[in-house]
């Protein structure tokens, strides 16, 4: 049965790695979650309000965006269910995707295929990913991730970013002025350096702002503080390692950027509702 957005869902509650069929509906409010979202429509279109900017996703054209930006479906055409993949941002960053796709994503833009030439192939891929993650998630997850990486690399070769910006253009540089550009640059710093020791003062300094003012701008844009956003990235990194590696929990905590196991456990349980060991058991079948 197709899914639809639940407005009672908490902001930044993780979806994790999913491939589902969704029913097109207007959303009562914006959603935010720290995954890259891929949409593929069979027919019709969806229009999002994404970070205050309207972007339309059209049938047969794979579209991707960073869902930490507030996004809300405000209009749609057609009633056919559509595919949605959610992919934790830290996993995508770990793939080292080309700047032509990574930078527009981090800047809150929709990155999409220029036409529907790959539509039939993508429908077959999404259908396969949906079956794999539903029927044998532990056994086939790595295969799905490899195919997703390959698909995003192909997207990077052909993609166009919304608002008419050239796909290879640099969008995180100092040319952009005003609060949105500053917030996007802070988010990029966090996404790139969350696994390192990173203080709010350093994040603010990267855009030339006082820490208090930087935190205020960031909270207005993302609904959370820079420090909490860093923690969300670290927990997402840990989720990936818990599922895809046999590393010890302490090793994972340190690799994700936590300075102590106790802080890691507390942050993980607060965001995921379970301990890291429980999360690993649930997602690896024991």
C-alpha atoms as a PDB file:
ATOM      1  CA  UNK A   1       0.000   0.000   0.000  1.00  0.00           C
ATOM      2  CA  UNK A   2       1.454   3.407  -0.924  1.00  0.00           C
ATOM      3  CA  UNK A   3       2.748   5.532   1.917  1.00  0.00           C
ATOM      4  CA  UNK A   4       1.969   9.162   2.641  1.00  0.00           C
ATOM      5  CA  UNK A   5       3.459  11.809   4.893  1.00  0.00           C
ATOM      6  CA  UNK A   6       2.339  11.848   8.527  1.00  0.00           C
ATOM      7  CA  UNK A   7       2.304  15.475   9.771  1.00  0.00           C
ATOM      8  CA  UNK A   8       2.786  14.195  13.336  1.00  0.00           C
ATOM      9  CA  UNK A   9       6.184  12.819  12.414  1.00  0.00           C
ATOM     10  CA  UNK A  10       8.998  14.543  14.391  1.00  0.00           C
ATOM     11  CA  UNK A  11      11.450  16.666  12.433  1.00  0.00           C
ATOM     12  CA  UNK A  12      14.762  14.926  11.714  1.00  0.00           C
ATOM     13  CA  UNK A  13      13.454  11.509  12.727  1.00  0.00           C
ATOM     14  CA  UNK A  14      15.572   9.333  10.422  1.00  0.00           C
ATOM     15  CA  UNK A  15      14.055   7.246   7.656  1.00  0.00           C
ATOM     16  CA  UNK A  16      17.320   5.404   7.041  1.00  0.00           C
ATOM     17  CA  UNK A  17      17.848   3.491   3.812  1.00  0.00           C
ATOM     18  CA  UNK A  18      14.446   2.919   2.204  1.00  0.00           C
ATOM     19  CA  UNK A  19      12.852   2.459  -1.189  1.00  0.00           C
ATOM     20  CA  UNK A  20       9.084   2.826  -1.006  1.00  0.00           C
ATOM     21  CA  UNK A  21       6.074   3.699  -3.109  1.00  0.00           C
ATOM     22  CA  UNK A  22       4.324   6.892  -2.019  1.00  0.00           C
ATOM     23  CA  UNK A  23       0.935   8.364  -2.842  1.00  0.00           C
ATOM     24  CA  UNK A  24       1.000  11.907  -4.277  1.00  0.00           C
ATOM     25  CA  UNK A  25      -0.620  14.277  -1.784  1.00  0.00           C
ATOM     26  CA  UNK A  26      -0.230  17.844  -0.671  1.00  0.00           C
ATOM     27  CA  UNK A  27       1.651  17.967   2.626  1.00  0.00           C
ATOM     28  CA  UNK A  28       0.131  19.829   5.562  1.00  0.00           C
ATOM     29  CA  UNK A  29       3.569  21.015   6.635  1.00  0.00           C
ATOM     30  CA  UNK A  30       7.194  20.772   5.616  1.00  0.00           C
ATOM     31  CA  UNK A  31       9.266  17.714   6.490  1.00  0.00           C
ATOM     32  CA  UNK A  32      12.963  17.610   7.380  1.00  0.00           C
ATOM     33  CA  UNK A  33      15.211  14.575   7.652  1.00  0.00           C
ATOM     34  CA  UNK A  34      18.935  14.210   7.178  1.00  0.00           C
ATOM     35  CA  UNK A  35      18.858  11.964   4.157  1.00  0.00           C
ATOM     36  CA  UNK A  36      19.293  12.490   0.447  1.00  0.00           C
ATOM     37  CA  UNK A  37      15.933  11.800  -1.147  1.00  0.00           C
ATOM     38  CA  UNK A  38      15.479  10.421  -4.664  1.00  0.00           C
ATOM     39  CA  UNK A  39      12.117  10.724  -6.408  1.00  0.00           C
ATOM     40  CA  UNK A  40      10.984   8.920  -9.547  1.00  0.00           C
ATOM     41  CA  UNK A  41       7.502   9.566 -10.928  1.00  0.00           C
ATOM     42  CA  UNK A  42       5.849   7.232 -13.417  1.00  0.00           C
ATOM     43  CA  UNK A  43       3.314   9.848 -14.522  1.00  0.00           C
ATOM     44  CA  UNK A  44       2.403  13.404 -13.613  1.00  0.00           C
ATOM     45  CA  UNK A  45       4.486  15.784 -11.533  1.00  0.00           C
ATOM     46  CA  UNK A  46       5.161  16.970  -7.978  1.00  0.00           C
ATOM     47  CA  UNK A  47       5.880  20.553  -6.989  1.00  0.00           C
ATOM     48  CA  UNK A  48       7.899  21.039  -3.815  1.00  0.00           C
ATOM     49  CA  UNK A  49       8.463  24.109  -1.747  1.00  0.00           C
ATOM     50  CA  UNK A  50      12.095  23.382  -0.925  1.00  0.00           C
ATOM     51  CA  UNK A  51      13.763  25.813   1.429  1.00  0.00           C
ATOM     52  CA  UNK A  52      11.391  28.528   0.264  1.00  0.00           C
ATOM     53  CA  UNK A  53      11.927  27.734  -3.450  1.00  0.00           C
ATOM     54  CA  UNK A  54       9.415  25.970  -5.718  1.00  0.00           C
ATOM     55  CA  UNK A  55      10.819  23.027  -7.687  1.00  0.00           C
ATOM     56  CA  UNK A  56       8.852  20.665  -9.923  1.00  0.00           C
ATOM     57  CA  UNK A  57       9.746  16.992 -10.337  1.00  0.00           C
ATOM     58  CA  UNK A  58       8.516  15.534 -13.620  1.00  0.00           C
ATOM     59  CA  UNK A  59       7.698  11.980 -14.671  1.00  0.00           C
ATOM     60  CA  UNK A  60      10.553   9.802 -15.868  1.00  0.00           C
ATOM     61  CA  UNK A  61      13.286  12.160 -14.616  1.00  0.00           C
ATOM     62  CA  UNK A  62      15.212  11.013 -11.574  1.00  0.00           C
ATOM     63  CA  UNK A  63      15.420  13.878  -9.075  1.00  0.00           C
ATOM     64  CA  UNK A  64      17.525  14.155  -5.922  1.00  0.00           C
ATOM     65  CA  UNK A  65      17.645  16.656  -3.071  1.00  0.00           C
ATOM     66  CA  UNK A  66      18.979  16.958   0.474  1.00  0.00           C
ATOM     67  CA  UNK A  67      15.936  16.543   2.673  1.00  0.00           C
ATOM     68  CA  UNK A  68      17.393  18.384   5.676  1.00  0.00           C
ATOM     69  CA  UNK A  69      16.085  21.475   3.941  1.00  0.00           C
ATOM     70  CA  UNK A  70      12.387  22.013   4.742  1.00  0.00           C
ATOM     71  CA  UNK A  71      10.482  20.440   1.846  1.00  0.00           C
ATOM     72  CA  UNK A  72       6.764  20.263   1.252  1.00  0.00           C
ATOM     73  CA  UNK A  73       4.634  19.044  -1.645  1.00  0.00           C
ATOM     74  CA  UNK A  74       2.359  21.960  -2.501  1.00  0.00           C
ATOM     75  CA  UNK A  75       0.923  20.748  -5.821  1.00  0.00           C
ATOM     76  CA  UNK A  76       0.795  17.621  -7.946  1.00  0.00           C
ATOM     77  CA  UNK A  77      -0.584  16.308 -11.226  1.00  0.00           C
ATOM     78  CA  UNK A  78      -1.736  12.725 -11.621  1.00  0.00           C
ATOM     79  CA  UNK A  79      -2.625  10.116  -9.039  1.00  0.00           C
ATOM     80  CA  UNK A  80      -0.154   7.320  -9.798  1.00  0.00           C
ATOM     81  CA  UNK A  81       2.086   6.286  -6.884  1.00  0.00           C
ATOM     82  CA  UNK A  82       5.722   7.291  -7.201  1.00  0.00           C
ATOM     83  CA  UNK A  83       9.026   5.921  -5.909  1.00  0.00           C
ATOM     84  CA  UNK A  84      11.003   7.473  -3.067  1.00  0.00           C
ATOM     85  CA  UNK A  85      14.480   6.413  -1.941  1.00  0.00           C
ATOM     86  CA  UNK A  86      15.933   7.837   1.274  1.00  0.00           C
ATOM     87  CA  UNK A  87      19.675   7.561   1.742  1.00  0.00           C
ATOM     88  CA  UNK A  88      21.509   8.901   4.831  1.00  0.00           C
ATOM     89  CA  UNK A  89      23.586  11.930   3.895  1.00  0.00           C
ATOM     90  CA  UNK A  90      26.732  10.666   5.613  1.00  0.00           C
ATOM     91  CA  UNK A  91      26.671   7.590   3.397  1.00  0.00           C
ATOM     92  CA  UNK A  92      26.423   9.731   0.267  1.00  0.00           C
ATOM     93  CA  UNK A  93      29.242  12.008   1.423  1.00  0.00           C
ATOM     94  CA  UNK A  94      31.404   8.944   1.980  1.00  0.00           C
ATOM     95  CA  UNK A  95      31.103   8.093  -1.720  1.00  0.00           C
ATOM     96  CA  UNK A  96      32.987  11.204  -2.813  1.00  0.00           C
ATOM     97  CA  UNK A  97      30.513  12.174  -5.531  1.00  0.00           C
ATOM     98  CA  UNK A  98      31.588  14.796  -8.088  1.00  0.00           C
ATOM     99  CA  UNK A  99      31.064  18.440  -7.129  1.00  0.00           C
ATOM    100  CA  UNK A 100      28.611  18.925  -9.987  1.00  0.00           C
ATOM    101  CA  UNK A 101      26.052  16.884  -8.034  1.00  0.00           C
ATOM    102  CA  UNK A 102      27.266  17.098  -4.409  1.00  0.00           C
ATOM    103  CA  UNK A 103      27.451  20.881  -4.160  1.00  0.00           C
ATOM    104  CA  UNK A 104      23.966  21.654  -5.538  1.00  0.00           C
ATOM    105  CA  UNK A 105      22.525  19.026  -3.210  1.00  0.00           C
ATOM    106  CA  UNK A 106      24.189  20.607  -0.177  1.00  0.00           C
ATOM    107  CA  UNK A 107      22.935  23.990  -1.310  1.00  0.00           C
ATOM    108  CA  UNK A 108      19.313  22.897  -1.177  1.00  0.00           C
ATOM    109  CA  UNK A 109      18.723  22.479  -4.903  1.00  0.00           C
ATOM    110  CA  UNK A 110      16.968  19.710  -6.754  1.00  0.00           C
ATOM    111  CA  UNK A 111      19.356  17.850  -9.051  1.00  0.00           C
ATOM    112  CA  UNK A 112      17.595  16.031 -11.865  1.00  0.00           C
ATOM    113  CA  UNK A 113      17.986  14.284 -15.172  1.00  0.00           C
ATOM    114  CA  UNK A 114      17.648  16.670 -18.123  1.00  0.00           C
ATOM    115  CA  UNK A 115      15.098  14.420 -19.845  1.00  0.00           C
ATOM    116  CA  UNK A 116      13.206  11.144 -19.427  1.00  0.00           C
ATOM    117  CA  UNK A 117      15.521   9.039 -21.605  1.00  0.00           C
ATOM    118  CA  UNK A 118      16.425   6.795 -18.650  1.00  0.00           C
ATOM    119  CA  UNK A 119      12.891   6.619 -17.275  1.00  0.00           C
ATOM    120  CA  UNK A 120      12.204   2.978 -18.144  1.00  0.00           C
ATOM    121  CA  UNK A 121      15.585   1.832 -16.815  1.00  0.00           C
ATOM    122  CA  UNK A 122      15.078   3.770 -13.596  1.00  0.00           C
ATOM    123  CA  UNK A 123      11.616   2.314 -13.031  1.00  0.00           C
ATOM    124  CA  UNK A 124      13.105  -1.174 -13.248  1.00  0.00           C
ATOM    125  CA  UNK A 125      15.920  -0.206 -10.858  1.00  0.00           C
ATOM    126  CA  UNK A 126      13.601   1.315  -8.266  1.00  0.00           C
ATOM    127  CA  UNK A 127      11.280  -1.689  -8.433  1.00  0.00           C
ATOM    128  CA  UNK A 128      14.265  -3.986  -7.845  1.00  0.00           C
ATOM    129  CA  UNK A 129      15.550  -1.903  -4.908  1.00  0.00           C
ATOM    130  CA  UNK A 130      12.102  -1.947  -3.356  1.00  0.00           C
ATOM    131  CA  UNK A 131      11.918  -5.744  -3.608  1.00  0.00           C
ATOM    132  CA  UNK A 132      15.452  -6.205  -2.292  1.00  0.00           C
ATOM    133  CA  UNK A 133      14.965  -4.016   0.781  1.00  0.00           C
ATOM    134  CA  UNK A 134      11.575  -5.563   1.524  1.00  0.00           C
ATOM    135  CA  UNK A 135      12.487  -9.223   1.024  1.00  0.00           C
ATOM    136  CA  UNK A 136      16.129  -9.537   2.098  1.00  0.00           C
ATOM    137  CA  UNK A 137      17.416  -6.241   3.516  1.00  0.00           C
ATOM    138  CA  UNK A 138      20.440  -7.679   5.340  1.00  0.00           C
ATOM    139  CA  UNK A 139      21.623  -9.815   2.434  1.00  0.00           C
ATOM    140  CA  UNK A 140      20.982  -7.356  -0.397  1.00  0.00           C
ATOM    141  CA  UNK A 141      21.614  -3.981   1.256  1.00  0.00           C
ATOM    142  CA  UNK A 142      25.210  -3.740   0.046  1.00  0.00           C
ATOM    143  CA  UNK A 143      24.138  -4.534  -3.512  1.00  0.00           C
ATOM    144  CA  UNK A 144      21.478  -1.830  -3.372  1.00  0.00           C
ATOM    145  CA  UNK A 145      24.006   0.686  -2.018  1.00  0.00           C
ATOM    146  CA  UNK A 146      26.484  -0.081  -4.790  1.00  0.00           C
ATOM    147  CA  UNK A 147      23.771   0.348  -7.411  1.00  0.00           C
ATOM    148  CA  UNK A 148      22.616   3.597  -5.814  1.00  0.00           C
ATOM    149  CA  UNK A 149      26.162   4.945  -5.870  1.00  0.00           C
ATOM    150  CA  UNK A 150      26.512   4.009  -9.537  1.00  0.00           C
ATOM    151  CA  UNK A 151      23.188   5.649 -10.345  1.00  0.00           C
ATOM    152  CA  UNK A 152      24.188   8.888  -8.621  1.00  0.00           C
ATOM    153  CA  UNK A 153      27.483   8.886 -10.518  1.00  0.00           C
ATOM    154  CA  UNK A 154      25.521   8.596 -13.756  1.00  0.00           C
ATOM    155  CA  UNK A 155      23.246  11.386 -12.580  1.00  0.00           C
ATOM    156  CA  UNK A 156      26.332  13.552 -12.034  1.00  0.00           C
ATOM    157  CA  UNK A 157      27.249  13.135 -15.706  1.00  0.00           C
ATOM    158  CA  UNK A 158      23.922  14.439 -16.999  1.00  0.00           C
ATOM    159  CA  UNK A 159      22.312  16.351 -14.169  1.00  0.00           C
ATOM    160  CA  UNK A 160      20.987  19.877 -14.161  1.00  0.00           C
ATOM    161  CA  UNK A 161      20.424  21.816 -10.953  1.00  0.00           C
ATOM    162  CA  UNK A 162      17.233  23.748 -10.312  1.00  0.00           C
ATOM    163  CA  UNK A 163      17.058  27.519 -10.792  1.00  0.00           C
ATOM    164  CA  UNK A 164      19.033  27.291 -14.029  1.00  0.00           C
ATOM    165  CA  UNK A 165      22.491  27.080 -12.478  1.00  0.00           C
ATOM    166  CA  UNK A 166      25.055  25.228 -14.536  1.00  0.00           C
ATOM    167  CA  UNK A 167      25.628  21.752 -13.065  1.00  0.00           C
ATOM    168  CA  UNK A 168      29.380  22.247 -12.794  1.00  0.00           C
ATOM    169  CA  UNK A 169      29.191  25.683 -11.222  1.00  0.00           C
ATOM    170  CA  UNK A 170      30.549  26.287  -7.758  1.00  0.00           C
ATOM    171  CA  UNK A 171      27.638  27.165  -5.464  1.00  0.00           C
ATOM    172  CA  UNK A 172      29.278  27.181  -2.051  1.00  0.00           C
ATOM    173  CA  UNK A 173      31.763  29.969  -2.604  1.00  0.00           C
ATOM    174  CA  UNK A 174      31.813  33.470  -1.220  1.00  0.00           C
ATOM    175  CA  UNK A 175      29.855  34.930  -4.120  1.00  0.00           C
ATOM    176  CA  UNK A 176      26.506  34.202  -2.499  1.00  0.00           C
ATOM    177  CA  UNK A 177      25.518  36.847   0.021  1.00  0.00           C
ATOM    178  CA  UNK A 178      22.796  37.109   2.620  1.00  0.00           C
ATOM    179  CA  UNK A 179      21.519  34.791   5.324  1.00  0.00           C
ATOM    180  CA  UNK A 180      20.539  31.830   3.071  1.00  0.00           C
ATOM    181  CA  UNK A 181      24.004  31.659   1.519  1.00  0.00           C
ATOM    182  CA  UNK A 182      25.654  31.894   4.936  1.00  0.00           C
ATOM    183  CA  UNK A 183      23.469  29.143   6.371  1.00  0.00           C
ATOM    184  CA  UNK A 184      24.146  26.893   3.389  1.00  0.00           C
ATOM    185  CA  UNK A 185      27.878  27.393   3.802  1.00  0.00           C
ATOM    186  CA  UNK A 186      27.652  26.535   7.511  1.00  0.00           C
ATOM    187  CA  UNK A 187      25.733  23.371   6.631  1.00  0.00           C
ATOM    188  CA  UNK A 188      28.432  22.470   4.137  1.00  0.00           C
ATOM    189  CA  UNK A 189      31.156  22.934   6.772  1.00  0.00           C
ATOM    190  CA  UNK A 190      29.241  20.643   9.118  1.00  0.00           C
ATOM    191  CA  UNK A 191      28.654  18.038   6.409  1.00  0.00           C
ATOM    192  CA  UNK A 192      32.336  18.034   5.485  1.00  0.00           C
ATOM    193  CA  UNK A 193      33.862  18.145   8.991  1.00  0.00           C
ATOM    194  CA  UNK A 194      31.378  16.569  11.417  1.00  0.00           C
ATOM    195  CA  UNK A 195      33.691  13.632  12.155  1.00  0.00           C
ATOM    196  CA  UNK A 196      36.409  16.015  13.360  1.00  0.00           C
ATOM    197  CA  UNK A 197      36.424  18.082  16.564  1.00  0.00           C
ATOM    198  CA  UNK A 198      34.147  20.947  15.532  1.00  0.00           C
ATOM    199  CA  UNK A 199      32.933  23.818  17.697  1.00  0.00           C
ATOM    200  CA  UNK A 200      30.174  26.300  16.930  1.00  0.00           C
ATOM    201  CA  UNK A 201      32.778  29.068  17.035  1.00  0.00           C
ATOM    202  CA  UNK A 202      34.666  27.402  14.175  1.00  0.00           C
ATOM    203  CA  UNK A 203      31.486  26.981  12.146  1.00  0.00           C
ATOM    204  CA  UNK A 204      30.642  30.644  12.678  1.00  0.00           C
ATOM    205  CA  UNK A 205      34.180  31.736  11.817  1.00  0.00           C
ATOM    206  CA  UNK A 206      33.947  29.919   8.479  1.00  0.00           C
ATOM    207  CA  UNK A 207      31.343  32.481   7.399  1.00  0.00           C
ATOM    208  CA  UNK A 208      32.706  35.433   9.367  1.00  0.00           C
ATOM    209  CA  UNK A 209      29.917  35.653  11.955  1.00  0.00           C
ATOM    210  CA  UNK A 210      29.697  35.853  15.738  1.00  0.00           C
ATOM    211  CA  UNK A 211      28.789  32.399  17.129  1.00  0.00           C
ATOM    212  CA  UNK A 212      25.513  33.621  18.652  1.00  0.00           C
ATOM    213  CA  UNK A 213      24.343  35.253  15.434  1.00  0.00           C
ATOM    214  CA  UNK A 214      25.460  32.285  13.352  1.00  0.00           C
ATOM    215  CA  UNK A 215      23.481  29.950  15.608  1.00  0.00           C
ATOM    216  CA  UNK A 216      20.415  32.192  15.318  1.00  0.00           C
ATOM    217  CA  UNK A 217      20.517  32.200  11.515  1.00  0.00           C
ATOM    218  CA  UNK A 218      21.090  28.468  11.424  1.00  0.00           C
ATOM    219  CA  UNK A 219      18.193  27.729  13.756  1.00  0.00           C
ATOM    220  CA  UNK A 220      15.841  29.909  11.707  1.00  0.00           C
ATOM    221  CA  UNK A 221      16.732  27.983   8.559  1.00  0.00           C
ATOM    222  CA  UNK A 222      16.975  24.427   9.878  1.00  0.00           C
ATOM    223  CA  UNK A 223      14.934  24.492  13.079  1.00  0.00           C
ATOM    224  CA  UNK A 224      17.851  23.185  15.100  1.00  0.00           C
ATOM    225  CA  UNK A 225      21.208  24.411  16.387  1.00  0.00           C
ATOM    226  CA  UNK A 226      24.551  23.917  14.616  1.00  0.00           C
ATOM    227  CA  UNK A 227      25.742  21.735  17.502  1.00  0.00           C
ATOM    228  CA  UNK A 228      22.716  19.469  17.267  1.00  0.00           C
ATOM    229  CA  UNK A 229      23.089  19.290  13.498  1.00  0.00           C
ATOM    230  CA  UNK A 230      26.660  18.070  13.970  1.00  0.00           C
ATOM    231  CA  UNK A 231      25.359  15.356  16.294  1.00  0.00           C
ATOM    232  CA  UNK A 232      22.744  14.300  13.723  1.00  0.00           C
ATOM    233  CA  UNK A 233      25.459  13.861  11.101  1.00  0.00           C
ATOM    234  CA  UNK A 234      27.568  11.824  13.518  1.00  0.00           C
ATOM    235  CA  UNK A 235      24.683   9.547  14.444  1.00  0.00           C
ATOM    236  CA  UNK A 236      23.861   9.013  10.767  1.00  0.00           C
ATOM    237  CA  UNK A 237      27.506   8.070  10.163  1.00  0.00           C
ATOM    238  CA  UNK A 238      27.313   5.608  13.050  1.00  0.00           C
ATOM    239  CA  UNK A 239      24.106   4.061  11.699  1.00  0.00           C
ATOM    240  CA  UNK A 240      25.837   3.287   8.421  1.00  0.00           C
ATOM    241  CA  UNK A 241      28.819   1.692  10.169  1.00  0.00           C
ATOM    242  CA  UNK A 242      26.626  -0.349  12.507  1.00  0.00           C
ATOM    243  CA  UNK A 243      24.816  -1.834   9.535  1.00  0.00           C
ATOM    244  CA  UNK A 244      27.659  -2.223   7.054  1.00  0.00           C
ATOM    245  CA  UNK A 245      30.691  -3.065   9.223  1.00  0.00           C
ATOM    246  CA  UNK A 246      31.735  -5.346  12.073  1.00  0.00           C
ATOM    247  CA  UNK A 247      33.572  -2.569  13.901  1.00  0.00           C
ATOM    248  CA  UNK A 248      33.161  -2.350  17.664  1.00  0.00           C
ATOM    249  CA  UNK A 249      30.765   0.251  19.016  1.00  0.00           C
ATOM    250  CA  UNK A 250      33.613   2.268  20.539  1.00  0.00           C
ATOM    251  CA  UNK A 251      35.460   2.315  17.211  1.00  0.00           C
ATOM    252  CA  UNK A 252      32.298   3.492  15.482  1.00  0.00           C
ATOM    253  CA  UNK A 253      31.738   6.225  18.060  1.00  0.00           C
ATOM    254  CA  UNK A 254      35.254   7.579  17.578  1.00  0.00           C
ATOM    255  CA  UNK A 255      35.106   7.290  13.786  1.00  0.00           C
ATOM    256  CA  UNK A 256      31.844   9.267  13.747  1.00  0.00           C
ATOM    257  CA  UNK A 257      33.397  12.087  15.757  1.00  0.00           C
ATOM    258  CA  UNK A 258      32.257  11.406  19.323  1.00  0.00           C
ATOM    259  CA  UNK A 259      34.858  11.928  22.035  1.00  0.00           C
ATOM    260  CA  UNK A 260      33.437   9.364  24.465  1.00  0.00           C
ATOM    261  CA  UNK A 261      31.273   6.257  24.384  1.00  0.00           C
ATOM    262  CA  UNK A 262      28.840   7.663  26.945  1.00  0.00           C
ATOM    263  CA  UNK A 263      28.126  10.752  24.823  1.00  0.00           C
ATOM    264  CA  UNK A 264      27.701   8.586  21.758  1.00  0.00           C
ATOM    265  CA  UNK A 265      25.253   6.241  23.474  1.00  0.00           C
ATOM    266  CA  UNK A 266      23.200   9.133  24.849  1.00  0.00           C
ATOM    267  CA  UNK A 267      23.030  10.942  21.508  1.00  0.00           C
ATOM    268  CA  UNK A 268      22.241   7.767  19.588  1.00  0.00           C
ATOM    269  CA  UNK A 269      19.403   6.750  21.895  1.00  0.00           C
ATOM    270  CA  UNK A 270      17.946  10.268  21.879  1.00  0.00           C
ATOM    271  CA  UNK A 271      17.754  10.314  18.081  1.00  0.00           C
ATOM    272  CA  UNK A 272      17.063   6.659  17.287  1.00  0.00           C
ATOM    273  CA  UNK A 273      15.115   5.478  20.325  1.00  0.00           C
ATOM    274  CA  UNK A 274      17.423   2.522  20.937  1.00  0.00           C
ATOM    275  CA  UNK A 275      21.037   1.748  21.783  1.00  0.00           C
ATOM    276  CA  UNK A 276      23.641   1.241  19.036  1.00  0.00           C
ATOM    277  CA  UNK A 277      23.760  -2.493  19.775  1.00  0.00           C
ATOM    278  CA  UNK A 278      19.981  -2.774  19.535  1.00  0.00           C
ATOM    279  CA  UNK A 279      20.058  -0.869  16.254  1.00  0.00           C
ATOM    280  CA  UNK A 280      22.660  -3.252  14.837  1.00  0.00           C
ATOM    281  CA  UNK A 281      20.638  -6.313  15.885  1.00  0.00           C
ATOM    282  CA  UNK A 282      17.449  -4.966  14.321  1.00  0.00           C
ATOM    283  CA  UNK A 283      19.089  -4.105  11.010  1.00  0.00           C
ATOM    284  CA  UNK A 284      21.397  -7.089  10.664  1.00  0.00           C
ATOM    285  CA  UNK A 285      19.111  -9.796  11.935  1.00  0.00           C
ATOM    286  CA  UNK A 286      21.063 -10.631  15.078  1.00  0.00           C
END
